Amino acid sequence: MEAMRNSWTDDRLDDFAKHVDRRFDEVDRCFDDVDRRFGEVNGRLIRLEDRVEAGFDRINGRIDQLHRVIWILGSGALVTFVVGFAGIILTR
């Protein structure tokens, strides 16, 4: 077995730097894959958000229609009560 060296030569430092660079390149490739996956998830979330917004717009439209119908029926009932009471008062 080779004895441990106490000093680093330029060649060993160059080899070490190449090894470190190669390892960081591998890490960069892994992060590129992660970035791509996050991009796909982000695209899905944007499409889902658009669908949810469209659903809420439809629900809001239905609530507005219901609100309008309640006002019409309430107004009709109020007019009916007023006319009914006026009729009772006028016929006595």
PDB file of N, CA and C in Angstrom:
ATOM      1  N   MET A   1       0.835  -1.164   0.000  1.00  0.00           N
ATOM      2  CA  MET A   1       0.000   0.000   0.000  1.00  0.00           C
ATOM      3  C   MET A   1       0.887   1.236   0.000  1.00  0.00           C
ATOM      4  N   GLU A   2       0.438   2.218  -0.743  1.00  0.00           N
ATOM      5  CA  GLU A   2       1.231   3.428  -0.887  1.00  0.00           C
ATOM      6  C   GLU A   2       1.108   4.274   0.367  1.00  0.00           C
ATOM      7  N   ALA A   3       2.203   4.853   0.763  1.00  0.00           N
ATOM      8  CA  ALA A   3       2.198   5.695   1.958  1.00  0.00           C
ATOM      9  C   ALA A   3       1.468   6.998   1.671  1.00  0.00           C
ATOM     10  N   MET A   4       0.860   7.576   2.709  1.00  0.00           N
ATOM     11  CA  MET A   4       0.129   8.832   2.567  1.00  0.00           C
ATOM     12  C   MET A   4       1.113   9.944   2.244  1.00  0.00           C
ATOM     13  N   ARG A   5       0.687  10.819   1.342  1.00  0.00           N
ATOM     14  CA  ARG A   5       1.526  11.960   1.001  1.00  0.00           C
ATOM     15  C   ARG A   5       1.215  13.100   1.946  1.00  0.00           C
ATOM     16  N   ASN A   6       2.235  13.813   2.302  1.00  0.00           N
ATOM     17  CA  ASN A   6       2.059  14.942   3.204  1.00  0.00           C
ATOM     18  C   ASN A   6       1.830  16.248   2.455  1.00  0.00           C
ATOM     19  N   SER A   7       2.088  16.263   1.180  1.00  0.00           N
ATOM     20  CA  SER A   7       1.919  17.500   0.428  1.00  0.00           C
ATOM     21  C   SER A   7       1.159  17.192  -0.855  1.00  0.00           C
ATOM     22  N   TRP A   8       0.521  18.205  -1.362  1.00  0.00           N
ATOM     23  CA  TRP A   8      -0.251  18.078  -2.596  1.00  0.00           C
ATOM     24  C   TRP A   8       0.577  18.637  -3.742  1.00  0.00           C
ATOM     25  N   THR A   9       0.672  17.872  -4.801  1.00  0.00           N
ATOM     26  CA  THR A   9       1.385  18.359  -5.981  1.00  0.00           C
ATOM     27  C   THR A   9       0.392  19.073  -6.895  1.00  0.00           C
ATOM     28  N   ASP A  10       0.909  19.806  -7.836  1.00  0.00           N
ATOM     29  CA  ASP A  10       0.036  20.507  -8.783  1.00  0.00           C
ATOM     30  C   ASP A  10      -0.834  19.518  -9.561  1.00  0.00           C
ATOM     31  N   ASP A  11      -0.233  18.379  -9.924  1.00  0.00           N
ATOM     32  CA  ASP A  11      -1.002  17.374 -10.667  1.00  0.00           C
ATOM     33  C   ASP A  11      -2.158  16.836  -9.820  1.00  0.00           C
ATOM     34  N   ARG A  12      -1.880  16.578  -8.564  1.00  0.00           N
ATOM     35  CA  ARG A  12      -2.947  16.070  -7.682  1.00  0.00           C
ATOM     36  C   ARG A  12      -4.031  17.125  -7.485  1.00  0.00           C
ATOM     37  N   LEU A  13      -3.631  18.376  -7.353  1.00  0.00           N
ATOM     38  CA  LEU A  13      -4.624  19.441  -7.203  1.00  0.00           C
ATOM     39  C   LEU A  13      -5.459  19.575  -8.477  1.00  0.00           C
ATOM     40  N   ASP A  14      -4.835  19.448  -9.650  1.00  0.00           N
ATOM     41  CA  ASP A  14      -5.576  19.503 -10.906  1.00  0.00           C
ATOM     42  C   ASP A  14      -6.552  18.345 -11.011  1.00  0.00           C
ATOM     43  N   ASP A  15      -6.096  17.144 -10.633  1.00  0.00           N
ATOM     44  CA  ASP A  15      -6.992  15.977 -10.645  1.00  0.00           C
ATOM     45  C   ASP A  15      -8.165  16.189  -9.682  1.00  0.00           C
ATOM     46  N   PHE A  16      -7.860  16.713  -8.525  1.00  0.00           N
ATOM     47  CA  PHE A  16      -8.917  16.969  -7.543  1.00  0.00           C
ATOM     48  C   PHE A  16      -9.927  17.994  -8.087  1.00  0.00           C
ATOM     49  N   ALA A  17      -9.435  19.041  -8.708  1.00  0.00           N
ATOM     50  CA  ALA A  17     -10.314  20.073  -9.265  1.00  0.00           C
ATOM     51  C   ALA A  17     -11.196  19.481 -10.364  1.00  0.00           C
ATOM     52  N   LYS A  18     -10.633  18.625 -11.219  1.00  0.00           N
ATOM     53  CA  LYS A  18     -11.425  17.979 -12.264  1.00  0.00           C
ATOM     54  C   LYS A  18     -12.495  17.082 -11.653  1.00  0.00           C
ATOM     55  N   HIS A  19     -12.119  16.359 -10.616  1.00  0.00           N
ATOM     56  CA  HIS A  19     -13.065  15.474  -9.946  1.00  0.00           C
ATOM     57  C   HIS A  19     -14.206  16.296  -9.326  1.00  0.00           C
ATOM     58  N   VAL A  20     -13.863  17.377  -8.673  1.00  0.00           N
ATOM     59  CA  VAL A  20     -14.882  18.242  -8.064  1.00  0.00           C
ATOM     60  C   VAL A  20     -15.789  18.833  -9.143  1.00  0.00           C
ATOM     61  N   ASP A  21     -15.194  19.288 -10.235  1.00  0.00           N
ATOM     62  CA  ASP A  21     -15.995  19.837 -11.337  1.00  0.00           C
ATOM     63  C   ASP A  21     -16.948  18.788 -11.900  1.00  0.00           C
ATOM     64  N   ARG A  22     -16.438  17.581 -12.074  1.00  0.00           N
ATOM     65  CA  ARG A  22     -17.268  16.497 -12.605  1.00  0.00           C
ATOM     66  C   ARG A  22     -18.434  16.203 -11.658  1.00  0.00           C
ATOM     67  N   ARG A  23     -18.174  16.208 -10.365  1.00  0.00           N
ATOM     68  CA  ARG A  23     -19.240  15.945  -9.385  1.00  0.00           C
ATOM     69  C   ARG A  23     -20.279  17.059  -9.388  1.00  0.00           C
ATOM     70  N   PHE A  24     -19.835  18.296  -9.496  1.00  0.00           N
ATOM     71  CA  PHE A  24     -20.787  19.416  -9.547  1.00  0.00           C
ATOM     72  C   PHE A  24     -21.598  19.386 -10.844  1.00  0.00           C
ATOM     73  N   ASP A  25     -20.994  18.932 -11.938  1.00  0.00           N
ATOM     74  CA  ASP A  25     -21.750  18.787 -13.180  1.00  0.00           C
ATOM     75  C   ASP A  25     -22.870  17.763 -13.007  1.00  0.00           C
ATOM     76  N   GLU A  26     -22.588  16.666 -12.281  1.00  0.00           N
ATOM     77  CA  GLU A  26     -23.626  15.669 -11.997  1.00  0.00           C
ATOM     78  C   GLU A  26     -24.741  16.269 -11.149  1.00  0.00           C
ATOM     79  N   VAL A  27     -24.368  17.051 -10.161  1.00  0.00           N
ATOM     80  CA  VAL A  27     -25.368  17.707  -9.315  1.00  0.00           C
ATOM     81  C   VAL A  27     -26.208  18.672 -10.146  1.00  0.00           C
ATOM     82  N   ASP A  28     -25.561  19.410 -11.025  1.00  0.00           N
ATOM     83  CA  ASP A  28     -26.294  20.333 -11.902  1.00  0.00           C
ATOM     84  C   ASP A  28     -27.289  19.579 -12.771  1.00  0.00           C
ATOM     85  N   ARG A  29     -26.898  18.417 -13.304  1.00  0.00           N
ATOM     86  CA  ARG A  29     -27.821  17.619 -14.120  1.00  0.00           C
ATOM     87  C   ARG A  29     -29.011  17.162 -13.295  1.00  0.00           C
ATOM     88  N   CYS A  30     -28.758  16.777 -12.047  1.00  0.00           N
ATOM     89  CA  CYS A  30     -29.864  16.366 -11.169  1.00  0.00           C
ATOM     90  C   CYS A  30     -30.813  17.535 -10.930  1.00  0.00           C
ATOM     91  N   PHE A  31     -30.264  18.717 -10.707  1.00  0.00           N
ATOM     92  CA  PHE A  31     -31.115  19.880 -10.476  1.00  0.00           C
ATOM     93  C   PHE A  31     -31.847  20.304 -11.750  1.00  0.00           C
ATOM     94  N   ASP A  32     -31.239  20.068 -12.902  1.00  0.00           N
ATOM     95  CA  ASP A  32     -31.945  20.348 -14.154  1.00  0.00           C
ATOM     96  C   ASP A  32     -33.196  19.489 -14.258  1.00  0.00           C
ATOM     97  N   ASP A  33     -33.078  18.219 -13.861  1.00  0.00           N
ATOM     98  CA  ASP A  33     -34.236  17.321 -13.879  1.00  0.00           C
ATOM     99  C   ASP A  33     -35.288  17.788 -12.872  1.00  0.00           C
ATOM    100  N   VAL A  34     -34.844  18.216 -11.699  1.00  0.00           N
ATOM    101  CA  VAL A  34     -35.771  18.722 -10.689  1.00  0.00           C
ATOM    102  C   VAL A  34     -36.465  19.987 -11.191  1.00  0.00           C
ATOM    103  N   ASP A  35     -35.709  20.884 -11.826  1.00  0.00           N
ATOM    104  CA  ASP A  35     -36.299  22.102 -12.382  1.00  0.00           C
ATOM    105  C   ASP A  35     -37.345  21.774 -13.441  1.00  0.00           C
ATOM    106  N   ARG A  36     -37.063  20.790 -14.283  1.00  0.00           N
ATOM    107  CA  ARG A  36     -38.020  20.381 -15.314  1.00  0.00           C
ATOM    108  C   ARG A  36     -39.291  19.851 -14.668  1.00  0.00           C
ATOM    109  N   ARG A  37     -39.130  19.030 -13.634  1.00  0.00           N
ATOM    110  CA  ARG A  37     -40.304  18.484 -12.956  1.00  0.00           C
ATOM    111  C   ARG A  37     -41.119  19.576 -12.281  1.00  0.00           C
ATOM    112  N   PHE A  38     -40.453  20.531 -11.655  1.00  0.00           N
ATOM    113  CA  PHE A  38     -41.177  21.645 -11.046  1.00  0.00           C
ATOM    114  C   PHE A  38     -41.903  22.460 -12.113  1.00  0.00           C
ATOM    115  N   GLY A  39     -41.307  22.593 -13.272  1.00  0.00           N
ATOM    116  CA  GLY A  39     -41.974  23.291 -14.372  1.00  0.00           C
ATOM    117  C   GLY A  39     -43.247  22.571 -14.792  1.00  0.00           C
ATOM    118  N   GLU A  40     -43.188  21.231 -14.848  1.00  0.00           N
ATOM    119  CA  GLU A  40     -44.380  20.460 -15.195  1.00  0.00           C
ATOM    120  C   GLU A  40     -45.457  20.630 -14.131  1.00  0.00           C
ATOM    121  N   VAL A  41     -45.069  20.554 -12.866  1.00  0.00           N
ATOM    122  CA  VAL A  41     -46.033  20.719 -11.777  1.00  0.00           C
ATOM    123  C   VAL A  41     -46.616  22.117 -11.797  1.00  0.00           C
ATOM    124  N   ASN A  42     -45.791  23.111 -12.061  1.00  0.00           N
ATOM    125  CA  ASN A  42     -46.269  24.489 -12.128  1.00  0.00           C
ATOM    126  C   ASN A  42     -47.298  24.640 -13.251  1.00  0.00           C
ATOM    127  N   GLY A  43     -47.033  24.035 -14.388  1.00  0.00           N
ATOM    128  CA  GLY A  43     -47.989  24.075 -15.502  1.00  0.00           C
ATOM    129  C   GLY A  43     -49.308  23.435 -15.126  1.00  0.00           C
ATOM    130  N   ARG A  44     -49.241  22.295 -14.440  1.00  0.00           N
ATOM    131  CA  ARG A  44     -50.474  21.627 -13.988  1.00  0.00           C
ATOM    132  C   ARG A  44     -51.240  22.508 -13.018  1.00  0.00           C
ATOM    133  N   LEU A  45     -50.537  23.133 -12.096  1.00  0.00           N
ATOM    134  CA  LEU A  45     -51.210  23.989 -11.121  1.00  0.00           C
ATOM    135  C   LEU A  45     -51.867  25.193 -11.784  1.00  0.00           C
ATOM    136  N   ILE A  46     -51.223  25.747 -12.783  1.00  0.00           N
ATOM    137  CA  ILE A  46     -51.802  26.886 -13.494  1.00  0.00           C
ATOM    138  C   ILE A  46     -53.080  26.450 -14.213  1.00  0.00           C
ATOM    139  N   ARG A  47     -53.040  25.276 -14.871  1.00  0.00           N
ATOM    140  CA  ARG A  47     -54.245  24.782 -15.546  1.00  0.00           C
ATOM    141  C   ARG A  47     -55.355  24.491 -14.537  1.00  0.00           C
ATOM    142  N   LEU A  48     -54.989  23.914 -13.393  1.00  0.00           N
ATOM    143  CA  LEU A  48     -55.979  23.628 -12.353  1.00  0.00           C
ATOM    144  C   LEU A  48     -56.574  24.918 -11.801  1.00  0.00           C
ATOM    145  N   GLU A  49     -55.733  25.926 -11.612  1.00  0.00           N
ATOM    146  CA  GLU A  49     -56.214  27.217 -11.116  1.00  0.00           C
ATOM    147  C   GLU A  49     -57.199  27.831 -12.108  1.00  0.00           C
ATOM    148  N   ASP A  50     -56.907  27.724 -13.397  1.00  0.00           N
ATOM    149  CA  ASP A  50     -57.819  28.253 -14.412  1.00  0.00           C
ATOM    150  C   ASP A  50     -59.166  27.537 -14.360  1.00  0.00           C
ATOM    151  N   ARG A  51     -59.139  26.216 -14.190  1.00  0.00           N
ATOM    152  CA  ARG A  51     -60.389  25.458 -14.110  1.00  0.00           C
ATOM    153  C   ARG A  51     -61.180  25.827 -12.865  1.00  0.00           C
ATOM    154  N   VAL A  52     -60.498  26.000 -11.745  1.00  0.00           N
ATOM    155  CA  VAL A  52     -61.174  26.376 -10.506  1.00  0.00           C
ATOM    156  C   VAL A  52     -61.789  27.761 -10.640  1.00  0.00           C
ATOM    157  N   GLU A  53     -61.046  28.696 -11.234  1.00  0.00           N
ATOM    158  CA  GLU A  53     -61.571  30.046 -11.440  1.00  0.00           C
ATOM    159  C   GLU A  53     -62.819  30.010 -12.325  1.00  0.00           C
ATOM    160  N   ALA A  54     -62.790  29.208 -13.386  1.00  0.00           N
ATOM    161  CA  ALA A  54     -63.951  29.099 -14.273  1.00  0.00           C
ATOM    162  C   ALA A  54     -65.143  28.526 -13.510  1.00  0.00           C
ATOM    163  N   GLY A  55     -64.887  27.534 -12.656  1.00  0.00           N
ATOM    164  CA  GLY A  55     -65.966  26.963 -11.843  1.00  0.00           C
ATOM    165  C   GLY A  55     -66.555  27.986 -10.894  1.00  0.00           C
ATOM    166  N   PHE A  56     -65.709  28.771 -10.254  1.00  0.00           N
ATOM    167  CA  PHE A  56     -66.215  29.803  -9.344  1.00  0.00           C
ATOM    168  C   PHE A  56     -66.986  30.875 -10.104  1.00  0.00           C
ATOM    169  N   ASP A  57     -66.555  31.202 -11.313  1.00  0.00           N
ATOM    170  CA  ASP A  57     -67.299  32.174 -12.118  1.00  0.00           C
ATOM    171  C   ASP A  57     -68.707  31.658 -12.421  1.00  0.00           C
ATOM    172  N   ARG A  58     -68.824  30.366 -12.750  1.00  0.00           N
ATOM    173  CA  ARG A  58     -70.144  29.782 -12.996  1.00  0.00           C
ATOM    174  C   ARG A  58     -70.995  29.807 -11.734  1.00  0.00           C
ATOM    175  N   ILE A  59     -70.401  29.464 -10.601  1.00  0.00           N
ATOM    176  CA  ILE A  59     -71.136  29.464  -9.334  1.00  0.00           C
ATOM    177  C   ILE A  59     -71.577  30.883  -8.981  1.00  0.00           C
ATOM    178  N   ASN A  60     -70.695  31.853  -9.179  1.00  0.00           N
ATOM    179  CA  ASN A  60     -71.063  33.249  -8.898  1.00  0.00           C
ATOM    180  C   ASN A  60     -72.219  33.699  -9.784  1.00  0.00           C
ATOM    181  N   GLY A  61     -72.229  33.278 -11.042  1.00  0.00           N
ATOM    182  CA  GLY A  61     -73.335  33.610 -11.935  1.00  0.00           C
ATOM    183  C   GLY A  61     -74.646  33.020 -11.445  1.00  0.00           C
ATOM    184  N   ARG A  62     -74.598  31.786 -10.974  1.00  0.00           N
ATOM    185  CA  ARG A  62     -75.814  31.144 -10.459  1.00  0.00           C
ATOM    186  C   ARG A  62     -76.297  31.828  -9.184  1.00  0.00           C
ATOM    187  N   ILE A  63     -75.383  32.214  -8.337  1.00  0.00           N
ATOM    188  CA  ILE A  63     -75.771  32.925  -7.107  1.00  0.00           C
ATOM    189  C   ILE A  63     -76.394  34.264  -7.452  1.00  0.00           C
ATOM    190  N   ASP A  64     -75.848  34.963  -8.439  1.00  0.00           N
ATOM    191  CA  ASP A  64     -76.432  36.237  -8.867  1.00  0.00           C
ATOM    192  C   ASP A  64     -77.853  36.035  -9.393  1.00  0.00           C
ATOM    193  N   GLN A  65     -78.064  34.966 -10.175  1.00  0.00           N
ATOM    194  CA  GLN A  65     -79.409  34.671 -10.669  1.00  0.00           C
ATOM    195  C   GLN A  65     -80.360  34.359  -9.514  1.00  0.00           C
ATOM    196  N   LEU A  66     -79.903  33.573  -8.561  1.00  0.00           N
ATOM    197  CA  LEU A  66     -80.728  33.245  -7.395  1.00  0.00           C
ATOM    198  C   LEU A  66     -81.061  34.501  -6.606  1.00  0.00           C
ATOM    199  N   HIS A  67     -80.115  35.372  -6.448  1.00  0.00           N
ATOM    200  CA  HIS A  67     -80.335  36.641  -5.737  1.00  0.00           C
ATOM    201  C   HIS A  67     -81.411  37.463  -6.437  1.00  0.00           C
ATOM    202  N   ARG A  68     -81.347  37.515  -7.757  1.00  0.00           N
ATOM    203  CA  ARG A  68     -82.332  38.253  -8.552  1.00  0.00           C
ATOM    204  C   ARG A  68     -83.727  37.639  -8.386  1.00  0.00           C
ATOM    205  N   VAL A  69     -83.827  36.312  -8.420  1.00  0.00           N
ATOM    206  CA  VAL A  69     -85.117  35.633  -8.265  1.00  0.00           C
ATOM    207  C   VAL A  69     -85.684  35.889  -6.873  1.00  0.00           C
ATOM    208  N   ILE A  70     -84.838  35.849  -5.855  1.00  0.00           N
ATOM    209  CA  ILE A  70     -85.312  36.109  -4.487  1.00  0.00           C
ATOM    210  C   ILE A  70     -85.857  37.528  -4.383  1.00  0.00           C
ATOM    211  N   TRP A  71     -85.182  38.486  -4.991  1.00  0.00           N
ATOM    212  CA  TRP A  71     -85.682  39.869  -4.973  1.00  0.00           C
ATOM    213  C   TRP A  71     -87.021  39.980  -5.677  1.00  0.00           C
ATOM    214  N   ILE A  72     -87.168  39.346  -6.823  1.00  0.00           N
ATOM    215  CA  ILE A  72     -88.422  39.402  -7.578  1.00  0.00           C
ATOM    216  C   ILE A  72     -89.556  38.761  -6.784  1.00  0.00           C
ATOM    217  N   LEU A  73     -89.316  37.560  -6.223  1.00  0.00           N
ATOM    218  CA  LEU A  73     -90.350  36.883  -5.440  1.00  0.00           C
ATOM    219  C   LEU A  73     -90.681  37.648  -4.168  1.00  0.00           C
ATOM    220  N   GLY A  74     -89.666  38.181  -3.516  1.00  0.00           N
ATOM    221  CA  GLY A  74     -89.907  38.967  -2.303  1.00  0.00           C
ATOM    222  C   GLY A  74     -90.698  40.226  -2.603  1.00  0.00           C
ATOM    223  N   SER A  75     -90.354  40.895  -3.688  1.00  0.00           N
ATOM    224  CA  SER A  75     -91.088  42.102  -4.076  1.00  0.00           C
ATOM    225  C   SER A  75     -92.526  41.753  -4.433  1.00  0.00           C
ATOM    226  N   GLY A  76     -92.720  40.654  -5.149  1.00  0.00           N
ATOM    227  CA  GLY A  76     -94.081  40.217  -5.506  1.00  0.00           C
ATOM    228  C   GLY A  76     -94.908  39.876  -4.272  1.00  0.00           C
ATOM    229  N   ALA A  77     -94.266  39.202  -3.306  1.00  0.00           N
ATOM    230  CA  ALA A  77     -94.982  38.866  -2.070  1.00  0.00           C
ATOM    231  C   ALA A  77     -95.346  40.121  -1.306  1.00  0.00           C
ATOM    232  N   LEU A  78     -94.449  41.088  -1.236  1.00  0.00           N
ATOM    233  CA  LEU A  78     -94.723  42.341  -0.533  1.00  0.00           C
ATOM    234  C   LEU A  78     -95.878  43.104  -1.192  1.00  0.00           C
ATOM    235  N   VAL A  79     -95.849  43.173  -2.521  1.00  0.00           N
ATOM    236  CA  VAL A  79     -96.936  43.846  -3.241  1.00  0.00           C
ATOM    237  C   VAL A  79     -98.250  43.114  -2.999  1.00  0.00           C
ATOM    238  N   THR A  80     -98.217  41.780  -2.997  1.00  0.00           N
ATOM    239  CA  THR A  80     -99.437  41.003  -2.753  1.00  0.00           C
ATOM    240  C   THR A  80     -99.983  41.287  -1.367  1.00  0.00           C
ATOM    241  N   PHE A  81     -99.122  41.322  -0.356  1.00  0.00           N
ATOM    242  CA  PHE A  81     -99.581  41.625   1.010  1.00  0.00           C
ATOM    243  C   PHE A  81    -100.171  43.030   1.104  1.00  0.00           C
ATOM    244  N   VAL A  82     -99.500  43.992   0.502  1.00  0.00           N
ATOM    245  CA  VAL A  82     -99.983  45.376   0.554  1.00  0.00           C
ATOM    246  C   VAL A  82    -101.340  45.478  -0.147  1.00  0.00           C
ATOM    247  N   VAL A  83    -101.475  44.886  -1.325  1.00  0.00           N
ATOM    248  CA  VAL A  83    -102.749  44.922  -2.053  1.00  0.00           C
ATOM    249  C   VAL A  83    -103.818  44.168  -1.277  1.00  0.00           C
ATOM    250  N   GLY A  84    -103.458  43.050  -0.696  1.00  0.00           N
ATOM    251  CA  GLY A  84    -104.409  42.272   0.093  1.00  0.00           C
ATOM    252  C   GLY A  84    -104.897  43.054   1.299  1.00  0.00           C
ATOM    253  N   PHE A  85    -103.991  43.643   2.049  1.00  0.00           N
ATOM    254  CA  PHE A  85    -104.390  44.431   3.218  1.00  0.00           C
ATOM    255  C   PHE A  85    -105.197  45.663   2.800  1.00  0.00           C
ATOM    256  N   ALA A  86    -104.791  46.292   1.687  1.00  0.00           N
ATOM    257  CA  ALA A  86    -105.562  47.452   1.191  1.00  0.00           C
ATOM    258  C   ALA A  86    -106.952  47.015   0.807  1.00  0.00           C
ATOM    259  N   GLY A  87    -107.087  45.864   0.180  1.00  0.00           N
ATOM    260  CA  GLY A  87    -108.393  45.332  -0.195  1.00  0.00           C
ATOM    261  C   GLY A  87    -109.248  45.041   1.026  1.00  0.00           C
ATOM    262  N   ILE A  88    -108.636  44.458   2.054  1.00  0.00           N
ATOM    263  CA  ILE A  88    -109.383  44.174   3.284  1.00  0.00           C
ATOM    264  C   ILE A  88    -109.832  45.482   3.937  1.00  0.00           C
ATOM    265  N   ILE A  89    -108.964  46.448   4.006  1.00  0.00           N
ATOM    266  CA  ILE A  89    -109.309  47.731   4.639  1.00  0.00           C
ATOM    267  C   ILE A  89    -110.386  48.453   3.830  1.00  0.00           C
ATOM    268  N   LEU A  90    -110.312  48.448   2.521  1.00  0.00           N
ATOM    269  CA  LEU A  90    -111.273  49.160   1.692  1.00  0.00           C
ATOM    270  C   LEU A  90    -112.638  48.468   1.660  1.00  0.00           C
ATOM    271  N   THR A  91    -112.694  47.179   1.859  1.00  0.00           N
ATOM    272  CA  THR A  91    -113.970  46.471   1.824  1.00  0.00           C
ATOM    273  C   THR A  91    -114.704  46.514   3.153  1.00  0.00           C
ATOM    274  N   ARG A  92    -114.197  46.982   4.193  1.00  0.00           N
ATOM    275  CA  ARG A  92    -114.856  47.032   5.501  1.00  0.00           C
ATOM    276  C   ARG A  92    -115.574  48.281   5.676  1.00  0.00           C
TER     277      ARG A  92
END
